[in-house]
Amino acid sequence: KPWSKYDKVKFLCPVPGYDRHFAICEEFGIEMINIAMDS
C-alpha cells in the first residue's frame, strides 16, 4: 500500500549525512531516525 496510507513512515539516516536526503524526507513528512557512523 502507498506509504501515505500509514499514520507514520520512517527512514533511517546515517549521520553525519547529506542534507538534501533529509530535505526529501521532510518534504514528505517522513520521520527520520539517526544512525551512528564509524569507519
PDB file of all heavy atoms in Angstrom:
ATOM      1  N   LYS A   1       0.836  -1.203   0.000  1.00  0.00           N
ATOM      2  CA  LYS A   1       0.000   0.000   0.000  1.00  0.00           C
ATOM      3  C   LYS A   1       0.872   1.255   0.000  1.00  0.00           C
ATOM      4  O   LYS A   1       2.031   1.231   0.444  1.00  0.00           O
ATOM      5  CB  LYS A   1      -0.931   0.001   1.208  1.00  0.00           C
ATOM      6  CG  LYS A   1      -0.279   0.228   2.560  1.00  0.00           C
ATOM      7  CD  LYS A   1      -1.350   0.228   3.659  1.00  0.00           C
ATOM      8  CE  LYS A   1      -0.739   0.498   5.033  1.00  0.00           C
ATOM      9  NZ  LYS A   1      -1.768   0.490   6.112  1.00  0.00           N
ATOM     10  N   PRO A   2       0.354   2.362  -0.516  1.00  0.00           N
ATOM     11  CA  PRO A   2       1.123   3.603  -0.545  1.00  0.00           C
ATOM     12  C   PRO A   2       1.602   4.008   0.839  1.00  0.00           C
ATOM     13  O   PRO A   2       0.880   3.859   1.831  1.00  0.00           O
ATOM     14  CB  PRO A   2       0.118   4.619  -1.108  1.00  0.00           C
ATOM     15  CG  PRO A   2      -0.864   3.803  -1.883  1.00  0.00           C
ATOM     16  CD  PRO A   2      -0.978   2.514  -1.141  1.00  0.00           C
ATOM     17  N   TRP A   3       2.813   4.546   0.905  1.00  0.00           N
ATOM     18  CA  TRP A   3       3.349   4.978   2.190  1.00  0.00           C
ATOM     19  C   TRP A   3       2.485   6.055   2.828  1.00  0.00           C
ATOM     20  O   TRP A   3       2.425   6.170   4.046  1.00  0.00           O
ATOM     21  CB  TRP A   3       4.772   5.502   2.001  1.00  0.00           C
ATOM     22  CG  TRP A   3       5.755   4.428   1.611  1.00  0.00           C
ATOM     23  CD1 TRP A   3       5.513   3.103   1.446  1.00  0.00           C
ATOM     24  CD2 TRP A   3       7.145   4.621   1.332  1.00  0.00           C
ATOM     25  NE1 TRP A   3       6.666   2.435   1.078  1.00  0.00           N
ATOM     26  CE2 TRP A   3       7.677   3.341   1.003  1.00  0.00           C
ATOM     27  CE3 TRP A   3       7.984   5.729   1.310  1.00  0.00           C
ATOM     28  CZ2 TRP A   3       9.024   3.166   0.674  1.00  0.00           C
ATOM     29  CZ3 TRP A   3       9.322   5.555   0.987  1.00  0.00           C
ATOM     30  CH2 TRP A   3       9.839   4.285   0.673  1.00  0.00           C
ATOM     31  N   SER A   4       1.806   6.841   2.015  1.00  0.00           N
ATOM     32  CA  SER A   4       0.965   7.918   2.559  1.00  0.00           C
ATOM     33  C   SER A   4      -0.228   7.378   3.336  1.00  0.00           C
ATOM     34  O   SER A   4      -0.878   8.128   4.083  1.00  0.00           O
ATOM     35  CB  SER A   4       0.474   8.821   1.427  1.00  0.00           C
ATOM     36  OG  SER A   4      -0.302   8.080   0.497  1.00  0.00           O
ATOM     37  N   LYS A   5      -0.537   6.089   3.201  1.00  0.00           N
ATOM     38  CA  LYS A   5      -1.676   5.493   3.901  1.00  0.00           C
ATOM     39  C   LYS A   5      -1.326   5.077   5.329  1.00  0.00           C
ATOM     40  O   LYS A   5      -2.214   4.677   6.091  1.00  0.00           O
ATOM     41  CB  LYS A   5      -2.198   4.274   3.129  1.00  0.00           C
ATOM     42  CG  LYS A   5      -2.687   4.587   1.711  1.00  0.00           C
ATOM     43  CD  LYS A   5      -3.856   5.548   1.713  1.00  0.00           C
ATOM     44  CE  LYS A   5      -4.379   5.793   0.298  1.00  0.00           C
ATOM     45  NZ  LYS A   5      -5.496   6.762   0.272  1.00  0.00           N
ATOM     46  N   TYR A   6      -0.050   5.149   5.673  1.00  0.00           N
ATOM     47  CA  TYR A   6       0.363   4.863   7.040  1.00  0.00           C
ATOM     48  C   TYR A   6       0.233   6.130   7.890  1.00  0.00           C
ATOM     49  O   TYR A   6       0.394   7.247   7.388  1.00  0.00           O
ATOM     50  CB  TYR A   6       1.824   4.395   7.085  1.00  0.00           C
ATOM     51  CG  TYR A   6       2.061   3.026   6.515  1.00  0.00           C
ATOM     52  CD1 TYR A   6       2.235   2.839   5.142  1.00  0.00           C
ATOM     53  CD2 TYR A   6       2.129   1.905   7.332  1.00  0.00           C
ATOM     54  CE1 TYR A   6       2.468   1.586   4.605  1.00  0.00           C
ATOM     55  CE2 TYR A   6       2.369   0.635   6.809  1.00  0.00           C
ATOM     56  CZ  TYR A   6       2.533   0.489   5.447  1.00  0.00           C
ATOM     57  OH  TYR A   6       2.756  -0.754   4.921  1.00  0.00           O
ATOM     58  N   ASP A   7      -0.032   5.954   9.168  1.00  0.00           N
ATOM     59  CA  ASP A   7      -0.049   7.102  10.066  1.00  0.00           C
ATOM     60  C   ASP A   7       1.334   7.743  10.154  1.00  0.00           C
ATOM     61  O   ASP A   7       1.461   8.965  10.274  1.00  0.00           O
ATOM     62  CB  ASP A   7      -0.491   6.681  11.478  1.00  0.00           C
ATOM     63  CG  ASP A   7      -1.955   6.276  11.515  1.00  0.00           C
ATOM     64  OD1 ASP A   7      -2.713   6.746  10.648  1.00  0.00           O
ATOM     65  OD2 ASP A   7      -2.326   5.478  12.401  1.00  0.00           O
ATOM     66  N   LYS A   8       2.359   6.902  10.084  1.00  0.00           N
ATOM     67  CA  LYS A   8       3.742   7.391  10.160  1.00  0.00           C
ATOM     68  C   LYS A   8       4.638   6.476   9.346  1.00  0.00           C
ATOM     69  O   LYS A   8       4.511   5.252   9.399  1.00  0.00           O
ATOM     70  CB  LYS A   8       4.214   7.412  11.612  1.00  0.00           C
ATOM     71  CG  LYS A   8       5.651   7.874  11.815  1.00  0.00           C
ATOM     72  CD  LYS A   8       5.845   9.339  11.482  1.00  0.00           C
ATOM     73  CE  LYS A   8       5.145  10.244  12.444  1.00  0.00           C
ATOM     74  NZ  LYS A   8       5.430  11.684  12.165  1.00  0.00           N
ATOM     75  N   VAL A   9       5.523   7.093   8.558  1.00  0.00           N
ATOM     76  CA  VAL A   9       6.546   6.357   7.820  1.00  0.00           C
ATOM     77  C   VAL A   9       7.902   6.871   8.280  1.00  0.00           C
ATOM     78  O   VAL A   9       8.075   8.072   8.520  1.00  0.00           O
ATOM     79  CB  VAL A   9       6.382   6.553   6.292  1.00  0.00           C
ATOM     80  CG1 VAL A   9       7.574   5.998   5.543  1.00  0.00           C
ATOM     81  CG2 VAL A   9       5.108   5.882   5.807  1.00  0.00           C
ATOM     82  N   LYS A  10       8.870   5.963   8.417  1.00  0.00           N
ATOM     83  CA  LYS A  10      10.168   6.333   8.973  1.00  0.00           C
ATOM     84  C   LYS A  10      11.306   5.944   8.025  1.00  0.00           C
ATOM     85  O   LYS A  10      11.198   4.967   7.276  1.00  0.00           O
ATOM     86  CB  LYS A  10      10.386   5.639  10.327  1.00  0.00           C
ATOM     87  CG  LYS A  10       9.292   5.907  11.345  1.00  0.00           C
ATOM     88  CD  LYS A  10       9.400   4.957  12.525  1.00  0.00           C
ATOM     89  CE  LYS A  10       8.178   5.047  13.423  1.00  0.00           C
ATOM     90  NZ  LYS A  10       8.171   3.980  14.447  1.00  0.00           N
ATOM     91  N   PHE A  11      12.378   6.710   8.093  1.00  0.00           N
ATOM     92  CA  PHE A  11      13.601   6.418   7.350  1.00  0.00           C
ATOM     93  C   PHE A  11      14.784   6.437   8.317  1.00  0.00           C
ATOM     94  O   PHE A  11      14.811   7.240   9.255  1.00  0.00           O
ATOM     95  CB  PHE A  11      13.842   7.477   6.264  1.00  0.00           C
ATOM     96  CG  PHE A  11      13.647   6.974   4.859  1.00  0.00           C
ATOM     97  CD1 PHE A  11      12.415   6.519   4.433  1.00  0.00           C
ATOM     98  CD2 PHE A  11      14.696   6.977   3.951  1.00  0.00           C
ATOM     99  CE1 PHE A  11      12.225   6.066   3.135  1.00  0.00           C
ATOM    100  CE2 PHE A  11      14.524   6.527   2.654  1.00  0.00           C
ATOM    101  CZ  PHE A  11      13.286   6.069   2.239  1.00  0.00           C
ATOM    102  N   LEU A  12      15.743   5.562   8.056  1.00  0.00           N
ATOM    103  CA  LEU A  12      16.983   5.555   8.821  1.00  0.00           C
ATOM    104  C   LEU A  12      17.989   6.470   8.125  1.00  0.00           C
ATOM    105  O   LEU A  12      18.127   6.429   6.895  1.00  0.00           O
ATOM    106  CB  LEU A  12      17.543   4.136   8.936  1.00  0.00           C
ATOM    107  CG  LEU A  12      16.590   3.099   9.536  1.00  0.00           C
ATOM    108  CD1 LEU A  12      17.282   1.750   9.643  1.00  0.00           C
ATOM    109  CD2 LEU A  12      16.056   3.542  10.885  1.00  0.00           C
ATOM    110  N   CYS A  13      18.682   7.263   8.921  1.00  0.00           N
ATOM    111  CA  CYS A  13      19.576   8.281   8.369  1.00  0.00           C
ATOM    112  C   CYS A  13      20.956   8.191   9.028  1.00  0.00           C
ATOM    113  O   CYS A  13      21.133   8.690  10.154  1.00  0.00           O
ATOM    114  CB  CYS A  13      19.006   9.678   8.586  1.00  0.00           C
ATOM    115  SG  CYS A  13      17.397   9.931   7.801  1.00  0.00           S
ATOM    116  N   PRO A  14      21.926   7.538   8.374  1.00  0.00           N
ATOM    117  CA  PRO A  14      23.289   7.563   8.914  1.00  0.00           C
ATOM    118  C   PRO A  14      23.782   8.999   9.049  1.00  0.00           C
ATOM    119  O   PRO A  14      23.603   9.811   8.127  1.00  0.00           O
ATOM    120  CB  PRO A  14      24.093   6.785   7.870  1.00  0.00           C
ATOM    121  CG  PRO A  14      23.088   5.867   7.236  1.00  0.00           C
ATOM    122  CD  PRO A  14      21.822   6.684   7.189  1.00  0.00           C
ATOM    123  N   VAL A  15      24.378   9.312  10.206  1.00  0.00           N
ATOM    124  CA  VAL A  15      24.821  10.684  10.472  1.00  0.00           C
ATOM    125  C   VAL A  15      26.275  10.699  10.949  1.00  0.00           C
ATOM    126  O   VAL A  15      26.726   9.782  11.628  1.00  0.00           O
ATOM    127  CB  VAL A  15      23.914  11.366  11.522  1.00  0.00           C
ATOM    128  CG1 VAL A  15      22.537  11.596  10.960  1.00  0.00           C
ATOM    129  CG2 VAL A  15      23.829  10.565  12.822  1.00  0.00           C
ATOM    130  N   PRO A  16      26.995  11.791  10.564  1.00  0.00           N
ATOM    131  CA  PRO A  16      26.540  12.891   9.720  1.00  0.00           C
ATOM    132  C   PRO A  16      26.280  12.422   8.287  1.00  0.00           C
ATOM    133  O   PRO A  16      26.905  11.475   7.819  1.00  0.00           O
ATOM    134  CB  PRO A  16      27.696  13.891   9.782  1.00  0.00           C
ATOM    135  CG  PRO A  16      28.907  13.056  10.085  1.00  0.00           C
ATOM    136  CD  PRO A  16      28.420  11.956  10.975  1.00  0.00           C
ATOM    137  N   GLY A  17      25.339  13.124   7.630  1.00  0.00           N
ATOM    138  CA  GLY A  17      24.944  12.695   6.300  1.00  0.00           C
ATOM    139  C   GLY A  17      24.631  13.870   5.388  1.00  0.00           C
ATOM    140  O   GLY A  17      24.996  15.014   5.666  1.00  0.00           O
ATOM    141  N   TYR A  18      23.925  13.565   4.300  1.00  0.00           N
ATOM    142  CA  TYR A  18      23.679  14.526   3.220  1.00  0.00           C
ATOM    143  C   TYR A  18      22.387  15.292   3.474  1.00  0.00           C
ATOM    144  O   TYR A  18      21.303  14.694   3.544  1.00  0.00           O
ATOM    145  CB  TYR A  18      23.621  13.755   1.901  1.00  0.00           C
ATOM    146  CG  TYR A  18      23.416  14.566   0.653  1.00  0.00           C
ATOM    147  CD1 TYR A  18      23.864  15.876   0.540  1.00  0.00           C
ATOM    148  CD2 TYR A  18      22.773  14.003  -0.447  1.00  0.00           C
ATOM    149  CE1 TYR A  18      23.669  16.606  -0.625  1.00  0.00           C
ATOM    150  CE2 TYR A  18      22.583  14.716  -1.622  1.00  0.00           C
ATOM    151  CZ  TYR A  18      23.026  16.021  -1.706  1.00  0.00           C
ATOM    152  OH  TYR A  18      22.830  16.738  -2.862  1.00  0.00           O
ATOM    153  N   ASP A  19      22.482  16.594   3.572  1.00  0.00           N
ATOM    154  CA  ASP A  19      21.328  17.409   3.934  1.00  0.00           C
ATOM    155  C   ASP A  19      20.177  17.297   2.941  1.00  0.00           C
ATOM    156  O   ASP A  19      19.005  17.383   3.332  1.00  0.00           O
ATOM    157  CB  ASP A  19      21.730  18.875   4.136  1.00  0.00           C
ATOM    158  CG  ASP A  19      22.489  19.478   2.962  1.00  0.00           C
ATOM    159  OD1 ASP A  19      23.039  18.720   2.135  1.00  0.00           O
ATOM    160  OD2 ASP A  19      22.548  20.724   2.868  1.00  0.00           O
ATOM    161  N   ARG A  20      20.459  17.086   1.674  1.00  0.00           N
ATOM    162  CA  ARG A  20      19.374  17.028   0.688  1.00  0.00           C
ATOM    163  C   ARG A  20      18.576  15.720   0.802  1.00  0.00           C
ATOM    164  O   ARG A  20      17.399  15.678   0.449  1.00  0.00           O
ATOM    165  CB  ARG A  20      19.911  17.237  -0.717  1.00  0.00           C
ATOM    166  CG  ARG A  20      20.492  18.646  -0.913  1.00  0.00           C
ATOM    167  CD  ARG A  20      20.765  18.957  -2.371  1.00  0.00           C
ATOM    168  NE  ARG A  20      21.441  20.223  -2.542  1.00  0.00           N
ATOM    169  CZ  ARG A  20      20.838  21.413  -2.603  1.00  0.00           C
ATOM    170  NH1 ARG A  20      19.527  21.484  -2.479  1.00  0.00           N
ATOM    171  NH2 ARG A  20      21.536  22.522  -2.778  1.00  0.00           N
ATOM    172  N   HIS A  21      19.209  14.653   1.260  1.00  0.00           N
ATOM    173  CA  HIS A  21      18.439  13.447   1.586  1.00  0.00           C
ATOM    174  C   HIS A  21      17.408  13.766   2.669  1.00  0.00           C
ATOM    175  O   HIS A  21      16.233  13.407   2.569  1.00  0.00           O
ATOM    176  CB  HIS A  21      19.364  12.347   2.115  1.00  0.00           C
ATOM    177  CG  HIS A  21      20.238  11.725   1.083  1.00  0.00           C
ATOM    178  ND1 HIS A  21      21.354  10.978   1.406  1.00  0.00           N
ATOM    179  CD2 HIS A  21      20.172  11.717  -0.279  1.00  0.00           C
ATOM    180  CE1 HIS A  21      21.927  10.545   0.297  1.00  0.00           C
ATOM    181  NE2 HIS A  21      21.232  10.980  -0.735  1.00  0.00           N
ATOM    182  N   PHE A  22      17.870  14.444   3.693  1.00  0.00           N
ATOM    183  CA  PHE A  22      16.987  14.758   4.820  1.00  0.00           C
ATOM    184  C   PHE A  22      15.863  15.702   4.385  1.00  0.00           C
ATOM    185  O   PHE A  22      14.734  15.589   4.866  1.00  0.00           O
ATOM    186  CB  PHE A  22      17.792  15.382   5.961  1.00  0.00           C
ATOM    187  CG  PHE A  22      19.005  14.580   6.380  1.00  0.00           C
ATOM    188  CD1 PHE A  22      20.132  15.210   6.888  1.00  0.00           C
ATOM    189  CD2 PHE A  22      19.023  13.196   6.255  1.00  0.00           C
ATOM    190  CE1 PHE A  22      21.242  14.479   7.269  1.00  0.00           C
ATOM    191  CE2 PHE A  22      20.136  12.454   6.641  1.00  0.00           C
ATOM    192  CZ  PHE A  22      21.255  13.102   7.146  1.00  0.00           C
ATOM    193  N   ALA A  23      16.186  16.607   3.465  1.00  0.00           N
ATOM    194  CA  ALA A  23      15.167  17.552   2.987  1.00  0.00           C
ATOM    195  C   ALA A  23      14.041  16.826   2.261  1.00  0.00           C
ATOM    196  O   ALA A  23      12.863  17.222   2.360  1.00  0.00           O
ATOM    197  CB  ALA A  23      15.805  18.588   2.070  1.00  0.00           C
ATOM    198  N   ILE A  24      14.355  15.759   1.528  1.00  0.00           N
ATOM    199  CA  ILE A  24      13.312  14.981   0.849  1.00  0.00           C
ATOM    200  C   ILE A  24      12.366  14.370   1.882  1.00  0.00           C
ATOM    201  O   ILE A  24      11.137  14.417   1.739  1.00  0.00           O
ATOM    202  CB  ILE A  24      13.937  13.892  -0.047  1.00  0.00           C
ATOM    203  CG1 ILE A  24      14.670  14.513  -1.234  1.00  0.00           C
ATOM    204  CG2 ILE A  24      12.844  12.939  -0.552  1.00  0.00           C
ATOM    205  CD1 ILE A  24      15.421  13.508  -2.097  1.00  0.00           C
ATOM    206  N   CYS A  25      12.943  13.795   2.941  1.00  0.00           N
ATOM    207  CA  CYS A  25      12.098  13.216   3.991  1.00  0.00           C
ATOM    208  C   CYS A  25      11.199  14.271   4.624  1.00  0.00           C
ATOM    209  O   CYS A  25      10.007  14.036   4.857  1.00  0.00           O
ATOM    210  CB  CYS A  25      12.968  12.559   5.055  1.00  0.00           C
ATOM    211  SG  CYS A  25      13.635  10.951   4.580  1.00  0.00           S
ATOM    212  N   GLU A  26      11.771  15.420   4.910  1.00  0.00           N
ATOM    213  CA  GLU A  26      10.959  16.491   5.498  1.00  0.00           C
ATOM    214  C   GLU A  26       9.833  16.908   4.564  1.00  0.00           C
ATOM    215  O   GLU A  26       8.705  17.176   5.005  1.00  0.00           O
ATOM    216  CB  GLU A  26      11.847  17.692   5.844  1.00  0.00           C
ATOM    217  CG  GLU A  26      12.676  17.515   7.098  1.00  0.00           C
ATOM    218  CD  GLU A  26      13.102  18.839   7.704  1.00  0.00           C
ATOM    219  OE1 GLU A  26      12.255  19.501   8.339  1.00  0.00           O
ATOM    220  OE2 GLU A  26      14.278  19.207   7.533  1.00  0.00           O
ATOM    221  N   GLU A  27      10.128  16.974   3.279  1.00  0.00           N
ATOM    222  CA  GLU A  27       9.129  17.378   2.293  1.00  0.00           C
ATOM    223  C   GLU A  27       7.902  16.465   2.346  1.00  0.00           C
ATOM    224  O   GLU A  27       6.758  16.924   2.225  1.00  0.00           O
ATOM    225  CB  GLU A  27       9.746  17.333   0.889  1.00  0.00           C
ATOM    226  CG  GLU A  27       8.807  17.602  -0.258  1.00  0.00           C
ATOM    227  CD  GLU A  27       8.672  19.079  -0.598  1.00  0.00           C
ATOM    228  OE1 GLU A  27       9.030  19.913   0.244  1.00  0.00           O
ATOM    229  OE2 GLU A  27       8.199  19.363  -1.709  1.00  0.00           O
ATOM    230  N   PHE A  28       8.146  15.160   2.554  1.00  0.00           N
ATOM    231  CA  PHE A  28       7.054  14.194   2.534  1.00  0.00           C
ATOM    232  C   PHE A  28       6.572  13.804   3.934  1.00  0.00           C
ATOM    233  O   PHE A  28       5.731  12.906   4.072  1.00  0.00           O
ATOM    234  CB  PHE A  28       7.482  12.938   1.759  1.00  0.00           C
ATOM    235  CG  PHE A  28       7.571  13.147   0.279  1.00  0.00           C
ATOM    236  CD1 PHE A  28       8.789  13.376  -0.332  1.00  0.00           C
ATOM    237  CD2 PHE A  28       6.430  13.136  -0.507  1.00  0.00           C
ATOM    238  CE1 PHE A  28       8.881  13.579  -1.712  1.00  0.00           C
ATOM    239  CE2 PHE A  28       6.500  13.333  -1.876  1.00  0.00           C
ATOM    240  CZ  PHE A  28       7.734  13.558  -2.480  1.00  0.00           C
ATOM    241  N   GLY A  29       7.085  14.471   4.956  1.00  0.00           N
ATOM    242  CA  GLY A  29       6.642  14.183   6.319  1.00  0.00           C
ATOM    243  C   GLY A  29       7.112  12.839   6.840  1.00  0.00           C
ATOM    244  O   GLY A  29       6.476  12.232   7.710  1.00  0.00           O
ATOM    245  N   ILE A  30       8.242  12.357   6.328  1.00  0.00           N
ATOM    246  CA  ILE A  30       8.801  11.076   6.770  1.00  0.00           C
ATOM    247  C   ILE A  30       9.658  11.308   8.007  1.00  0.00           C
ATOM    248  O   ILE A  30      10.552  12.155   8.005  1.00  0.00           O
ATOM    249  CB  ILE A  30       9.635  10.432   5.640  1.00  0.00           C
ATOM    250  CG1 ILE A  30       8.735  10.105   4.445  1.00  0.00           C
ATOM    251  CG2 ILE A  30      10.345   9.179   6.145  1.00  0.00           C
ATOM    252  CD1 ILE A  30       9.506   9.656   3.202  1.00  0.00           C
ATOM    253  N   GLU A  31       9.399  10.557   9.046  1.00  0.00           N
ATOM    254  CA  GLU A  31      10.174  10.687  10.284  1.00  0.00           C
ATOM    255  C   GLU A  31      11.575  10.110  10.093  1.00  0.00           C
ATOM    256  O   GLU A  31      11.735   9.017   9.542  1.00  0.00           O
ATOM    257  CB  GLU A  31       9.469   9.953  11.426  1.00  0.00           C
ATOM    258  CG  GLU A  31      10.198  10.023  12.758  1.00  0.00           C
ATOM    259  CD  GLU A  31       9.486   9.253  13.850  1.00  0.00           C
ATOM    260  OE1 GLU A  31       8.245   9.254  13.865  1.00  0.00           O
ATOM    261  OE2 GLU A  31      10.192   8.628  14.672  1.00  0.00           O
ATOM    262  N   MET A  32      12.576  10.825  10.564  1.00  0.00           N
ATOM    263  CA  MET A  32      13.965  10.394  10.388  1.00  0.00           C
ATOM    264  C   MET A  32      14.567   9.931  11.706  1.00  0.00           C
ATOM    265  O   MET A  32      14.373  10.555  12.751  1.00  0.00           O
ATOM    266  CB  MET A  32      14.798  11.533   9.794  1.00  0.00           C
ATOM    267  CG  MET A  32      14.419  11.857   8.362  1.00  0.00           C
ATOM    268  SD  MET A  32      15.348  13.246   7.670  1.00  0.00           S
ATOM    269  CE  MET A  32      14.367  14.646   8.254  1.00  0.00           C
ATOM    270  N   ILE A  33      15.302   8.826  11.635  1.00  0.00           N
ATOM    271  CA  ILE A  33      15.953   8.233  12.801  1.00  0.00           C
ATOM    272  C   ILE A  33      17.460   8.251  12.578  1.00  0.00           C
ATOM    273  O   ILE A  33      17.954   7.677  11.590  1.00  0.00           O
ATOM    274  CB  ILE A  33      15.471   6.788  13.034  1.00  0.00           C
ATOM    275  CG1 ILE A  33      13.948   6.756  13.250  1.00  0.00           C
ATOM    276  CG2 ILE A  33      16.205   6.152  14.211  1.00  0.00           C
ATOM    277  CD1 ILE A  33      13.358   5.362  13.259  1.00  0.00           C
ATOM    278  N   ASN A  34      18.191   8.879  13.459  1.00  0.00           N
ATOM    279  CA  ASN A  34      19.650   8.948  13.337  1.00  0.00           C
ATOM    280  C   ASN A  34      20.279   7.572  13.548  1.00  0.00           C
ATOM    281  O   ASN A  34      19.905   6.846  14.477  1.00  0.00           O
ATOM    282  CB  ASN A  34      20.233   9.910  14.368  1.00  0.00           C
ATOM    283  CG  ASN A  34      19.910  11.360  14.085  1.00  0.00           C
ATOM    284  OD1 ASN A  34      19.203  11.676  13.140  1.00  0.00           O
ATOM    285  ND2 ASN A  34      20.426  12.251  14.906  1.00  0.00           N
ATOM    286  N   ILE A  35      21.249   7.259  12.701  1.00  0.00           N
ATOM    287  CA  ILE A  35      22.057   6.043  12.840  1.00  0.00           C
ATOM    288  C   ILE A  35      23.523   6.461  12.875  1.00  0.00           C
ATOM    289  O   ILE A  35      23.997   7.133  11.959  1.00  0.00           O
ATOM    290  CB  ILE A  35      21.823   5.066  11.666  1.00  0.00           C
ATOM    291  CG1 ILE A  35      20.352   4.642  11.583  1.00  0.00           C
ATOM    292  CG2 ILE A  35      22.739   3.851  11.804  1.00  0.00           C
ATOM    293  CD1 ILE A  35      19.856   3.821  12.756  1.00  0.00           C
ATOM    294  N   ALA A  36      24.220   6.065  13.908  1.00  0.00           N
ATOM    295  CA  ALA A  36      25.618   6.457  14.066  1.00  0.00           C
ATOM    296  C   ALA A  36      26.481   5.816  12.989  1.00  0.00           C
ATOM    297  O   ALA A  36      26.191   4.717  12.493  1.00  0.00           O
ATOM    298  CB  ALA A  36      26.124   6.054  15.445  1.00  0.00           C
ATOM    299  N   MET A  37      27.557   6.515  12.636  1.00  0.00           N
ATOM    300  CA  MET A  37      28.528   6.020  11.650  1.00  0.00           C
ATOM    301  C   MET A  37      29.875   5.824  12.337  1.00  0.00           C
ATOM    302  O   MET A  37      30.241   6.560  13.252  1.00  0.00           O
ATOM    303  CB  MET A  37      28.695   7.043  10.526  1.00  0.00           C
ATOM    304  CG  MET A  37      27.496   7.185   9.622  1.00  0.00           C
ATOM    305  SD  MET A  37      27.606   6.120   8.173  1.00  0.00           S
ATOM    306  CE  MET A  37      28.809   7.005   7.192  1.00  0.00           C
ATOM    307  N   ASP A  38      30.633   4.826  11.863  1.00  0.00           N
ATOM    308  CA  ASP A  38      32.036   4.708  12.247  1.00  0.00           C
ATOM    309  C   ASP A  38      32.857   4.463  10.985  1.00  0.00           C
ATOM    310  O   ASP A  38      32.353   4.660   9.874  1.00  0.00           O
ATOM    311  CB  ASP A  38      32.253   3.631  13.314  1.00  0.00           C
ATOM    312  CG  ASP A  38      31.883   2.226  12.833  1.00  0.00           C
ATOM    313  OD1 ASP A  38      31.862   1.978  11.602  1.00  0.00           O
ATOM    314  OD2 ASP A  38      31.626   1.364  13.681  1.00  0.00           O
ATOM    315  N   SER A  39      34.083   4.033  11.121  1.00  0.00           N
ATOM    316  CA  SER A  39      34.972   3.907   9.969  1.00  0.00           C
ATOM    317  C   SER A  39      34.560   2.799   9.005  1.00  0.00           C
ATOM    318  O   SER A  39      35.074   2.723   7.885  1.00  0.00           O
ATOM    319  CB  SER A  39      36.407   3.656  10.441  1.00  0.00           C
ATOM    320  OG  SER A  39      36.480   2.451  11.188  1.00  0.00           O
TER     321      SER A  39
END
